Full PDB file with SEQRES, HELIX, SHEET, SSBOND, CRYST1, ORIGX, SCALE, CONECT and MASTER records, all heavy atoms in Angstrom:
SEQRES   1 A   40  LEU GLY GLY ALA GLU LYS ILE LEU LEU MET ASN GLU SER          
SEQRES   2 A   40  GLY GLU LEU GLN ASP LEU LEU THR LYS ILE GLU ARG VAL          
SEQRES   3 A   40  GLN HIS PRO HIS GLU CYS PRO SER CYS GLY GLY PHE GLY          
SEQRES   4 A   40  PHE                                                          
HELIX    1 AA1 ALA A    4  SER A   13  1                                  10    
HELIX    2 AA2 GLU A   15  LEU A   19  1                                   5    
HELIX    3 AA3 LEU A   20  LYS A   22  5                                   3    
CRYST1    1.000    1.000    1.000  90.00  90.00  90.00 P 1           1          
ORIGX1      1.000000  0.000000  0.000000        0.00000                         
ORIGX2      0.000000  1.000000  0.000000        0.00000                         
ORIGX3      0.000000  0.000000  1.000000        0.00000                         
SCALE1      1.000000  0.000000  0.000000        0.00000                         
SCALE2      0.000000  1.000000  0.000000        0.00000                         
SCALE3      0.000000  0.000000  1.000000        0.00000                         
ATOM      1  N   LEU A   1      15.560  49.501 118.937  1.00  0.00           N  
ATOM      2  CA  LEU A   1      14.541  48.530 118.961  1.00  0.00           C  
ATOM      3  C   LEU A   1      14.155  48.042 117.605  1.00  0.00           C  
ATOM      4  O   LEU A   1      14.047  46.837 117.363  1.00  0.00           O  
ATOM      5  CB  LEU A   1      13.260  49.076 119.626  1.00  0.00           C  
ATOM      6  CG  LEU A   1      12.228  48.012 120.003  1.00  0.00           C  
ATOM      7  CD1 LEU A   1      12.778  47.003 120.982  1.00  0.00           C  
ATOM      8  CD2 LEU A   1      10.980  48.714 120.574  1.00  0.00           C  
ATOM      9  N   GLY A   2      14.055  48.891 116.589  1.00  0.00           N  
ATOM     10  CA  GLY A   2      13.789  48.489 115.271  1.00  0.00           C  
ATOM     11  C   GLY A   2      12.907  49.417 114.551  1.00  0.00           C  
ATOM     12  O   GLY A   2      12.615  50.575 115.023  1.00  0.00           O  
ATOM     13  N   GLY A   3      12.403  48.974 113.403  1.00  0.00           N  
ATOM     14  CA  GLY A   3      11.473  49.823 112.560  1.00  0.00           C  
ATOM     15  C   GLY A   3      10.022  49.333 112.689  1.00  0.00           C  
ATOM     16  O   GLY A   3       9.656  48.665 113.630  1.00  0.00           O  
ATOM     17  N   ALA A   4       9.285  49.694 111.691  1.00  0.00           N  
ATOM     18  CA  ALA A   4       7.869  49.482 111.738  1.00  0.00           C  
ATOM     19  C   ALA A   4       7.472  47.999 111.825  1.00  0.00           C  
ATOM     20  O   ALA A   4       6.566  47.602 112.554  1.00  0.00           O  
ATOM     21  CB  ALA A   4       7.148  50.092 110.561  1.00  0.00           C  
ATOM     22  N   GLU A   5       8.163  47.183 111.027  1.00  0.00           N  
ATOM     23  CA  GLU A   5       7.816  45.744 110.987  1.00  0.00           C  
ATOM     24  C   GLU A   5       8.080  45.122 112.363  1.00  0.00           C  
ATOM     25  O   GLU A   5       7.222  44.387 112.886  1.00  0.00           O  
ATOM     26  CB  GLU A   5       8.632  45.041 109.914  1.00  0.00           C  
ATOM     27  CG  GLU A   5       8.321  45.439 108.488  1.00  0.00           C  
ATOM     28  CD  GLU A   5       8.917  46.775 108.098  1.00  0.00           C  
ATOM     29  OE1 GLU A   5       9.872  47.233 108.713  1.00  0.00           O  
ATOM     30  OE2 GLU A   5       8.385  47.371 107.114  1.00  0.00           O  
ATOM     31  N   LYS A   6       9.205  45.433 112.973  1.00  0.00           N  
ATOM     32  CA  LYS A   6       9.540  44.901 114.297  1.00  0.00           C  
ATOM     33  C   LYS A   6       8.540  45.371 115.359  1.00  0.00           C  
ATOM     34  O   LYS A   6       8.105  44.564 116.180  1.00  0.00           O  
ATOM     35  CB  LYS A   6      10.964  45.290 114.677  1.00  0.00           C  
ATOM     36  CG  LYS A   6      11.336  44.933 116.077  1.00  0.00           C  
ATOM     37  CD  LYS A   6      12.166  43.671 116.114  1.00  0.00           C  
ATOM     38  CE  LYS A   6      12.455  43.260 117.542  1.00  0.00           C  
ATOM     39  NZ  LYS A   6      13.863  43.137 117.799  1.00  0.00           N  
ATOM     40  N   ILE A   7       8.182  46.645 115.323  1.00  0.00           N  
ATOM     41  CA  ILE A   7       7.202  47.229 116.259  1.00  0.00           C  
ATOM     42  C   ILE A   7       5.860  46.513 116.146  1.00  0.00           C  
ATOM     43  O   ILE A   7       5.183  46.163 117.084  1.00  0.00           O  
ATOM     44  CB  ILE A   7       7.089  48.718 116.202  1.00  0.00           C  
ATOM     45  CG1 ILE A   7       8.455  49.407 116.454  1.00  0.00           C  
ATOM     46  CG2 ILE A   7       5.990  49.280 117.095  1.00  0.00           C  
ATOM     47  CD1 ILE A   7       9.055  49.130 117.832  1.00  0.00           C  
ATOM     48  N   LEU A   8       5.410  46.329 114.872  1.00  0.00           N  
ATOM     49  CA  LEU A   8       4.124  45.692 114.602  1.00  0.00           C  
ATOM     50  C   LEU A   8       4.094  44.288 115.172  1.00  0.00           C  
ATOM     51  O   LEU A   8       3.156  43.834 115.785  1.00  0.00           O  
ATOM     52  CB  LEU A   8       3.806  45.725 113.144  1.00  0.00           C  
ATOM     53  CG  LEU A   8       2.482  45.257 112.675  1.00  0.00           C  
ATOM     54  CD1 LEU A   8       1.357  46.070 113.369  1.00  0.00           C  
ATOM     55  CD2 LEU A   8       2.328  45.306 111.191  1.00  0.00           C  
ATOM     56  N   LEU A   9       5.151  43.499 114.854  1.00  0.00           N  
ATOM     57  CA  LEU A   9       5.295  42.125 115.360  1.00  0.00           C  
ATOM     58  C   LEU A   9       5.272  42.073 116.894  1.00  0.00           C  
ATOM     59  O   LEU A   9       4.568  41.243 117.512  1.00  0.00           O  
ATOM     60  CB  LEU A   9       6.532  41.468 114.846  1.00  0.00           C  
ATOM     61  CG  LEU A   9       6.532  41.027 113.380  1.00  0.00           C  
ATOM     62  CD1 LEU A   9       7.874  40.575 112.917  1.00  0.00           C  
ATOM     63  CD2 LEU A   9       5.481  39.971 113.095  1.00  0.00           C  
ATOM     64  N   MET A  10       6.046  42.938 117.511  1.00  0.00           N  
ATOM     65  CA  MET A  10       6.133  43.019 118.955  1.00  0.00           C  
ATOM     66  C   MET A  10       4.753  43.424 119.609  1.00  0.00           C  
ATOM     67  O   MET A  10       4.340  42.869 120.649  1.00  0.00           O  
ATOM     68  CB  MET A  10       7.214  43.965 119.438  1.00  0.00           C  
ATOM     69  CG  MET A  10       8.608  43.462 119.176  1.00  0.00           C  
ATOM     70  SD  MET A  10       9.848  44.630 119.667  1.00  0.00           S  
ATOM     71  CE  MET A  10       9.785  44.475 121.425  1.00  0.00           C  
ATOM     72  N   ASN A  11       4.073  44.254 118.860  1.00  0.00           N  
ATOM     73  CA  ASN A  11       2.743  44.690 119.344  1.00  0.00           C  
ATOM     74  C   ASN A  11       1.781  43.564 119.296  1.00  0.00           C  
ATOM     75  O   ASN A  11       0.962  43.323 120.237  1.00  0.00           O  
ATOM     76  CB  ASN A  11       2.237  45.915 118.570  1.00  0.00           C  
ATOM     77  CG  ASN A  11       1.062  46.507 119.146  1.00  0.00           C  
ATOM     78  OD1 ASN A  11       0.962  46.749 120.344  1.00  0.00           O  
ATOM     79  ND2 ASN A  11       0.080  46.835 118.306  1.00  0.00           N  
ATOM     80  N   GLU A  12       1.757  42.815 118.257  1.00  0.00           N  
ATOM     81  CA  GLU A  12       0.837  41.709 117.982  1.00  0.00           C  
ATOM     82  C   GLU A  12       1.153  40.543 118.985  1.00  0.00           C  
ATOM     83  O   GLU A  12       0.264  39.908 119.426  1.00  0.00           O  
ATOM     84  CB  GLU A  12       0.886  41.221 116.645  1.00  0.00           C  
ATOM     85  CG  GLU A  12       0.225  42.222 115.617  1.00  0.00           C  
ATOM     86  CD  GLU A  12       0.406  41.835 114.175  1.00  0.00           C  
ATOM     87  OE1 GLU A  12       1.067  40.824 113.860  1.00  0.00           O  
ATOM     88  OE2 GLU A  12      -0.133  42.569 113.328  1.00  0.00           O  
ATOM     89  N   SER A  13       2.406  40.293 119.329  1.00  0.00           N  
ATOM     90  CA  SER A  13       2.784  39.260 120.210  1.00  0.00           C  
ATOM     91  C   SER A  13       2.675  39.607 121.632  1.00  0.00           C  
ATOM     92  O   SER A  13       2.749  38.708 122.509  1.00  0.00           O  
ATOM     93  CB  SER A  13       4.241  38.761 119.903  1.00  0.00           C  
ATOM     94  OG  SER A  13       5.165  39.713 120.375  1.00  0.00           O  
ATOM     95  N   GLY A  14       2.532  40.875 121.995  1.00  0.00           N  
ATOM     96  CA  GLY A  14       2.446  41.265 123.356  1.00  0.00           C  
ATOM     97  C   GLY A  14       3.768  41.684 123.983  1.00  0.00           C  
ATOM     98  O   GLY A  14       3.856  42.138 125.132  1.00  0.00           O  
ATOM     99  N   GLU A  15       4.879  41.455 123.285  1.00  0.00           N  
ATOM    100  CA  GLU A  15       6.186  41.842 123.759  1.00  0.00           C  
ATOM    101  C   GLU A  15       6.320  43.301 124.029  1.00  0.00           C  
ATOM    102  O   GLU A  15       6.968  43.769 124.987  1.00  0.00           O  
ATOM    103  CB  GLU A  15       7.316  41.429 122.791  1.00  0.00           C  
ATOM    104  CG  GLU A  15       7.637  39.997 122.730  1.00  0.00           C  
ATOM    105  CD  GLU A  15       8.717  39.794 121.666  1.00  0.00           C  
ATOM    106  OE1 GLU A  15       9.955  40.048 121.996  1.00  0.00           O  
ATOM    107  OE2 GLU A  15       8.428  39.372 120.531  1.00  0.00           O  
ATOM    108  N   LEU A  16       5.708  44.142 123.160  1.00  0.00           N  
ATOM    109  CA  LEU A  16       5.843  45.591 123.262  1.00  0.00           C  
ATOM    110  C   LEU A  16       5.188  46.041 124.562  1.00  0.00           C  
ATOM    111  O   LEU A  16       5.711  46.894 125.292  1.00  0.00           O  
ATOM    112  CB  LEU A  16       5.176  46.274 122.069  1.00  0.00           C  
ATOM    113  CG  LEU A  16       5.344  47.744 122.007  1.00  0.00           C  
ATOM    114  CD1 LEU A  16       6.829  48.139 121.918  1.00  0.00           C  
ATOM    115  CD2 LEU A  16       4.642  48.347 120.814  1.00  0.00           C  
ATOM    116  N   GLN A  17       4.011  45.468 124.934  1.00  0.00           N  
ATOM    117  CA  GLN A  17       3.306  45.844 126.131  1.00  0.00           C  
ATOM    118  C   GLN A  17       4.228  45.582 127.364  1.00  0.00           C  
ATOM    119  O   GLN A  17       4.265  46.436 128.292  1.00  0.00           O  
ATOM    120  CB  GLN A  17       2.057  45.041 126.305  1.00  0.00           C  
ATOM    121  CG  GLN A  17       1.294  45.373 127.562  1.00  0.00           C  
ATOM    122  CD  GLN A  17       0.686  46.727 127.558  1.00  0.00           C  
ATOM    123  OE1 GLN A  17       0.339  47.327 126.565  1.00  0.00           O  
ATOM    124  NE2 GLN A  17       0.599  47.323 128.731  1.00  0.00           N  
ATOM    125  N   ASP A  18       5.013  44.508 127.383  1.00  0.00           N  
ATOM    126  CA  ASP A  18       5.903  44.172 128.469  1.00  0.00           C  
ATOM    127  C   ASP A  18       7.062  45.247 128.545  1.00  0.00           C  
ATOM    128  O   ASP A  18       7.418  45.645 129.620  1.00  0.00           O  
ATOM    129  CB  ASP A  18       6.506  42.800 128.264  1.00  0.00           C  
ATOM    130  CG  ASP A  18       5.484  41.728 128.387  1.00  0.00           C  
ATOM    131  OD1 ASP A  18       4.413  41.953 128.963  1.00  0.00           O  
ATOM    132  OD2 ASP A  18       5.735  40.593 127.857  1.00  0.00           O  
ATOM    133  N   LEU A  19       7.543  45.671 127.393  1.00  0.00           N  
ATOM    134  CA  LEU A  19       8.649  46.673 127.377  1.00  0.00           C  
ATOM    135  C   LEU A  19       8.131  48.058 127.858  1.00  0.00           C  
ATOM    136  O   LEU A  19       8.913  48.827 128.383  1.00  0.00           O  
ATOM    137  CB  LEU A  19       9.121  46.855 125.944  1.00  0.00           C  
ATOM    138  CG  LEU A  19      10.295  45.985 125.473  1.00  0.00           C  
ATOM    139  CD1 LEU A  19      10.627  46.244 124.065  1.00  0.00           C  
ATOM    140  CD2 LEU A  19      11.525  46.241 126.371  1.00  0.00           C  
ATOM    141  N   LEU A  20       6.873  48.341 127.672  1.00  0.00           N  
ATOM    142  CA  LEU A  20       6.314  49.665 127.978  1.00  0.00           C  
ATOM    143  C   LEU A  20       5.898  49.851 129.389  1.00  0.00           C  
ATOM    144  O   LEU A  20       5.403  50.881 129.788  1.00  0.00           O  
ATOM    145  CB  LEU A  20       5.159  49.980 127.042  1.00  0.00           C  
ATOM    146  CG  LEU A  20       5.464  49.978 125.541  1.00  0.00           C  
ATOM    147  CD1 LEU A  20       4.212  50.272 124.757  1.00  0.00           C  
ATOM    148  CD2 LEU A  20       6.584  50.959 125.252  1.00  0.00           C  
ATOM    149  N   THR A  21       6.066  48.834 130.271  1.00  0.00           N  
ATOM    150  CA  THR A  21       5.624  48.897 131.625  1.00  0.00           C  
ATOM    151  C   THR A  21       6.352  50.006 132.446  1.00  0.00           C  
ATOM    152  O   THR A  21       5.782  50.541 133.324  1.00  0.00           O  
ATOM    153  CB  THR A  21       5.713  47.582 132.397  1.00  0.00           C  
ATOM    154  OG1 THR A  21       7.133  47.173 132.296  1.00  0.00           O  
ATOM    155  CG2 THR A  21       4.874  46.530 131.814  1.00  0.00           C  
ATOM    156  N   LYS A  22       7.610  50.242 132.108  1.00  0.00           N  
ATOM    157  CA  LYS A  22       8.373  51.258 132.841  1.00  0.00           C  
ATOM    158  C   LYS A  22       8.372  52.639 132.181  1.00  0.00           C  
ATOM    159  O   LYS A  22       9.013  53.532 132.688  1.00  0.00           O  
ATOM    160  CB  LYS A  22       9.841  50.737 132.944  1.00  0.00           C  
ATOM    161  CG  LYS A  22      10.532  50.567 131.645  1.00  0.00           C  
ATOM    162  CD  LYS A  22      11.927  49.995 131.836  1.00  0.00           C  
ATOM    163  CE  LYS A  22      12.505  49.692 130.512  1.00  0.00           C  
ATOM    164  NZ  LYS A  22      12.876  48.351 130.323  1.00  0.00           N  
ATOM    165  N   ILE A  23       7.600  52.787 131.151  1.00  0.00           N  
ATOM    166  CA  ILE A  23       7.507  54.074 130.411  1.00  0.00           C  
ATOM    167  C   ILE A  23       6.390  54.913 131.020  1.00  0.00           C  
ATOM    168  O   ILE A  23       5.291  54.384 131.356  1.00  0.00           O  
ATOM    169  CB  ILE A  23       7.288  53.872 128.917  1.00  0.00           C  
ATOM    170  CG1 ILE A  23       8.374  52.988 128.320  1.00  0.00           C  
ATOM    171  CG2 ILE A  23       7.226  55.216 128.152  1.00  0.00           C  
ATOM    172  CD1 ILE A  23       9.791  53.509 128.369  1.00  0.00           C  
ATOM    173  N   GLU A  24       6.589  56.213 131.156  1.00  0.00           N  
ATOM    174  CA  GLU A  24       5.595  57.115 131.701  1.00  0.00           C  
ATOM    175  C   GLU A  24       4.355  57.138 130.879  1.00  0.00           C  
ATOM    176  O   GLU A  24       4.393  57.127 129.599  1.00  0.00           O  
ATOM    177  CB  GLU A  24       6.169  58.527 131.727  1.00  0.00           C  
ATOM    178  CG  GLU A  24       5.289  59.536 132.298  1.00  0.00           C  
ATOM    179  CD  GLU A  24       5.821  60.953 132.296  1.00  0.00           C  
ATOM    180  OE1 GLU A  24       7.086  61.083 132.113  1.00  0.00           O  
ATOM    181  OE2 GLU A  24       5.070  61.883 132.496  1.00  0.00           O  
ATOM    182  N   ARG A  25       3.177  57.062 131.489  1.00  0.00           N  
ATOM    183  CA  ARG A  25       1.915  57.001 130.799  1.00  0.00           C  
ATOM    184  C   ARG A  25       1.373  58.356 130.590  1.00  0.00           C  
ATOM    185  O   ARG A  25       1.629  59.378 131.362  1.00  0.00           O  
ATOM    186  CB  ARG A  25       0.895  56.205 131.657  1.00  0.00           C  
ATOM    187  CG  ARG A  25       1.278  54.776 131.899  1.00  0.00           C  
ATOM    188  CD  ARG A  25       1.121  53.989 130.664  1.00  0.00           C  
ATOM    189  NE  ARG A  25       1.711  52.650 130.849  1.00  0.00           N  
ATOM    190  CZ  ARG A  25       1.694  51.729 129.904  1.00  0.00           C  
ATOM    191  NH1 ARG A  25       1.152  51.994 128.782  1.00  0.00           N  
ATOM    192  NH2 ARG A  25       2.189  50.600 130.108  1.00  0.00           N  
ATOM    193  N   VAL A  26       0.506  58.522 129.586  1.00  0.00           N  
ATOM    194  CA  VAL A  26      -0.120  59.785 129.266  1.00  0.00           C  
ATOM    195  C   VAL A  26      -1.600  59.570 129.540  1.00  0.00           C  
ATOM    196  O   VAL A  26      -2.247  58.604 129.042  1.00  0.00           O  
ATOM    197  CB  VAL A  26      -0.018  60.131 127.777  1.00  0.00           C  
ATOM    198  CG1 VAL A  26      -0.763  61.403 127.428  1.00  0.00           C  
ATOM    199  CG2 VAL A  26       1.456  60.285 127.452  1.00  0.00           C  
ATOM    200  N   GLN A  27      -2.231  60.385 130.404  1.00  0.00           N  
ATOM    201  CA  GLN A  27      -3.574  60.185 130.810  1.00  0.00           C  
ATOM    202  C   GLN A  27      -4.528  60.482 129.641  1.00  0.00           C  
ATOM    203  O   GLN A  27      -5.400  59.715 129.316  1.00  0.00           O  
ATOM    204  CB  GLN A  27      -3.921  61.088 132.016  1.00  0.00           C  
ATOM    205  CG  GLN A  27      -3.169  60.683 133.287  1.00  0.00           C  
ATOM    206  CD  GLN A  27      -3.511  59.286 133.735  1.00  0.00           C  
ATOM    207  OE1 GLN A  27      -4.702  58.850 133.632  1.00  0.00           O  
ATOM    208  NE2 GLN A  27      -2.522  58.528 134.166  1.00  0.00           N  
ATOM    209  N   HIS A  28      -4.425  61.667 129.129  1.00  0.00           N  
ATOM    210  CA  HIS A  28      -5.294  62.113 128.048  1.00  0.00           C  
ATOM    211  C   HIS A  28      -4.434  62.542 126.924  1.00  0.00           C  
ATOM    212  O   HIS A  28      -3.918  63.674 126.921  1.00  0.00           O  
ATOM    213  CB  HIS A  28      -6.196  63.305 128.477  1.00  0.00           C  
ATOM    214  CG  HIS A  28      -7.101  62.864 129.665  1.00  0.00           C  
ATOM    215  ND1 HIS A  28      -8.143  62.010 129.515  1.00  0.00           N  
ATOM    216  CD2 HIS A  28      -7.040  63.200 130.936  1.00  0.00           C  
ATOM    217  CE1 HIS A  28      -8.726  61.841 130.691  1.00  0.00           C  
ATOM    218  NE2 HIS A  28      -8.073  62.562 131.565  1.00  0.00           N  
ATOM    219  N   PRO A  29      -4.257  61.671 125.875  1.00  0.00           N  
ATOM    220  CA  PRO A  29      -3.389  62.145 124.734  1.00  0.00           C  
ATOM    221  C   PRO A  29      -3.998  63.305 124.050  1.00  0.00           C  
ATOM    222  O   PRO A  29      -5.217  63.323 123.851  1.00  0.00           O  
ATOM    223  CB  PRO A  29      -3.325  60.935 123.859  1.00  0.00           C  
ATOM    224  CG  PRO A  29      -4.340  60.007 124.339  1.00  0.00           C  
ATOM    225  CD  PRO A  29      -4.723  60.366 125.738  1.00  0.00           C  
ATOM    226  N   HIS A  30      -3.265  64.357 123.831  1.00  0.00           N  
ATOM    227  CA  HIS A  30      -3.789  65.503 123.119  1.00  0.00           C  
ATOM    228  C   HIS A  30      -2.629  66.107 122.337  1.00  0.00           C  
ATOM    229  O   HIS A  30      -1.493  65.892 122.538  1.00  0.00           O  
ATOM    230  CB  HIS A  30      -4.290  66.533 124.172  1.00  0.00           C  
ATOM    231  CG  HIS A  30      -3.197  67.086 125.058  1.00  0.00           C  
ATOM    232  ND1 HIS A  30      -2.661  66.379 126.099  1.00  0.00           N  
ATOM    233  CD2 HIS A  30      -2.545  68.269 125.022  1.00  0.00           C  
ATOM    234  CE1 HIS A  30      -1.682  67.118 126.675  1.00  0.00           C  
ATOM    235  NE2 HIS A  30      -1.621  68.255 126.027  1.00  0.00           N  
ATOM    236  N   GLU A  31      -3.048  66.932 121.385  1.00  0.00           N  
ATOM    237  CA  GLU A  31      -2.110  67.693 120.575  1.00  0.00           C  
ATOM    238  C   GLU A  31      -1.831  68.986 121.229  1.00  0.00           C  
ATOM    239  O   GLU A  31      -2.721  69.604 121.825  1.00  0.00           O  
ATOM    240  CB  GLU A  31      -2.634  67.867 119.161  1.00  0.00           C  
ATOM    241  CG  GLU A  31      -2.662  66.614 118.339  1.00  0.00           C  
ATOM    242  CD  GLU A  31      -3.022  66.868 116.883  1.00  0.00           C  
ATOM    243  OE1 GLU A  31      -3.492  68.047 116.610  1.00  0.00           O  
ATOM    244  OE2 GLU A  31      -2.874  65.990 116.053  1.00  0.00           O  
ATOM    245  N   CYS A  32      -0.690  69.478 121.068  1.00  0.00           N  
ATOM    246  CA  CYS A  32      -0.303  70.747 121.587  1.00  0.00           C  
ATOM    247  C   CYS A  32      -1.152  71.882 120.869  1.00  0.00           C  
ATOM    248  O   CYS A  32      -1.208  71.888 119.629  1.00  0.00           O  
ATOM    249  CB  CYS A  32       1.244  71.010 121.349  1.00  0.00           C  
ATOM    250  SG  CYS A  32       1.790  72.681 121.778  1.00  0.00           S  
ATOM    251  N   PRO A  33      -1.709  72.760 121.649  1.00  0.00           N  
ATOM    252  CA  PRO A  33      -2.479  73.836 121.011  1.00  0.00           C  
ATOM    253  C   PRO A  33      -1.617  74.831 120.237  1.00  0.00           C  
ATOM    254  O   PRO A  33      -2.160  75.479 119.323  1.00  0.00           O  
ATOM    255  CB  PRO A  33      -3.171  74.504 122.137  1.00  0.00           C  
ATOM    256  CG  PRO A  33      -2.381  74.191 123.402  1.00  0.00           C  
ATOM    257  CD  PRO A  33      -1.716  72.840 123.085  1.00  0.00           C  
ATOM    258  N   SER A  34      -0.331  74.913 120.522  1.00  0.00           N  
ATOM    259  CA  SER A  34       0.531  75.870 119.826  1.00  0.00           C  
ATOM    260  C   SER A  34       0.975  75.393 118.491  1.00  0.00           C  
ATOM    261  O   SER A  34       0.920  76.086 117.518  1.00  0.00           O  
ATOM    262  CB  SER A  34       1.737  76.167 120.690  1.00  0.00           C  
ATOM    263  OG  SER A  34       1.351  76.807 121.894  1.00  0.00           O  
ATOM    264  N   CYS A  35       1.494  74.094 118.423  1.00  0.00           N  
ATOM    265  CA  CYS A  35       2.067  73.608 117.251  1.00  0.00           C  
ATOM    266  C   CYS A  35       1.308  72.490 116.612  1.00  0.00           C  
ATOM    267  O   CYS A  35       1.699  71.975 115.503  1.00  0.00           O  
ATOM    268  CB  CYS A  35       3.502  73.124 117.514  1.00  0.00           C  
ATOM    269  SG  CYS A  35       3.598  71.658 118.563  1.00  0.00           S  
ATOM    270  N   GLY A  36       0.235  72.051 117.187  1.00  0.00           N  
ATOM    271  CA  GLY A  36      -0.528  70.936 116.607  1.00  0.00           C  
ATOM    272  C   GLY A  36       0.098  69.619 116.688  1.00  0.00           C  
ATOM    273  O   GLY A  36      -0.284  68.725 115.939  1.00  0.00           O  
ATOM    274  N   GLY A  37       1.083  69.456 117.568  1.00  0.00           N  
ATOM    275  CA  GLY A  37       1.725  68.149 117.722  1.00  0.00           C  
ATOM    276  C   GLY A  37       3.021  67.986 116.851  1.00  0.00           C  
ATOM    277  O   GLY A  37       3.658  66.940 116.947  1.00  0.00           O  
ATOM    278  N   PHE A  38       3.382  69.036 116.122  1.00  0.00           N  
ATOM    279  CA  PHE A  38       4.578  68.840 115.264  1.00  0.00           C  
ATOM    280  C   PHE A  38       5.883  69.100 116.082  1.00  0.00           C  
ATOM    281  O   PHE A  38       6.946  68.744 115.663  1.00  0.00           O  
ATOM    282  CB  PHE A  38       4.479  69.812 114.070  1.00  0.00           C  
ATOM    283  CG  PHE A  38       3.574  69.330 113.017  1.00  0.00           C  
ATOM    284  CD1 PHE A  38       2.350  69.906 112.853  1.00  0.00           C  
ATOM    285  CD2 PHE A  38       4.041  68.407 112.106  1.00  0.00           C  
ATOM    286  CE1 PHE A  38       1.494  69.406 111.887  1.00  0.00           C  
ATOM    287  CE2 PHE A  38       3.153  67.909 111.151  1.00  0.00           C  
ATOM    288  CZ  PHE A  38       1.938  68.429 111.031  1.00  0.00           C  
ATOM    289  N   GLY A  39       5.768  69.905 117.167  1.00  0.00           N  
ATOM    290  CA  GLY A  39       7.007  70.198 117.965  1.00  0.00           C  
ATOM    291  C   GLY A  39       7.779  71.369 117.417  1.00  0.00           C  
ATOM    292  O   GLY A  39       8.789  71.739 118.065  1.00  0.00           O  
ATOM    293  N   PHE A  40       7.391  72.001 116.368  1.00  0.00           N  
ATOM    294  CA  PHE A  40       8.046  73.135 115.800  1.00  0.00           C  
ATOM    295  C   PHE A  40       7.060  74.182 115.379  1.00  0.00           C  
ATOM    296  O   PHE A  40       5.919  73.904 115.056  1.00  0.00           O  
ATOM    297  CB  PHE A  40       8.875  72.770 114.556  1.00  0.00           C  
ATOM    298  CG  PHE A  40      10.091  71.942 114.839  1.00  0.00           C  
ATOM    299  CD1 PHE A  40      10.077  70.564 114.923  1.00  0.00           C  
ATOM    300  CD2 PHE A  40      11.309  72.602 115.076  1.00  0.00           C  
ATOM    301  CE1 PHE A  40      11.182  69.838 115.170  1.00  0.00           C  
ATOM    302  CE2 PHE A  40      12.454  71.864 115.333  1.00  0.00           C  
ATOM    303  CZ  PHE A  40      12.431  70.466 115.406  1.00  0.00           C  
TER     304      PHE A  40                                                      
MASTER        0    0    0    3    0    0    0    6  303    1    0    4          
END                                                                             
C-alpha cells in the first residue's frame, strides 16, 4: 500500500476508510498485559 505519506493522504481523503471495510474490527483496543503491545 505504501508508507506514512500515502497512508496519511488516504486517511485524509477517506480512501483508507473504504479499504478497511473488510478488515476485522477491534472492539476495545488494548495492550497485551504480558508484553505491553511489543509482541516479544
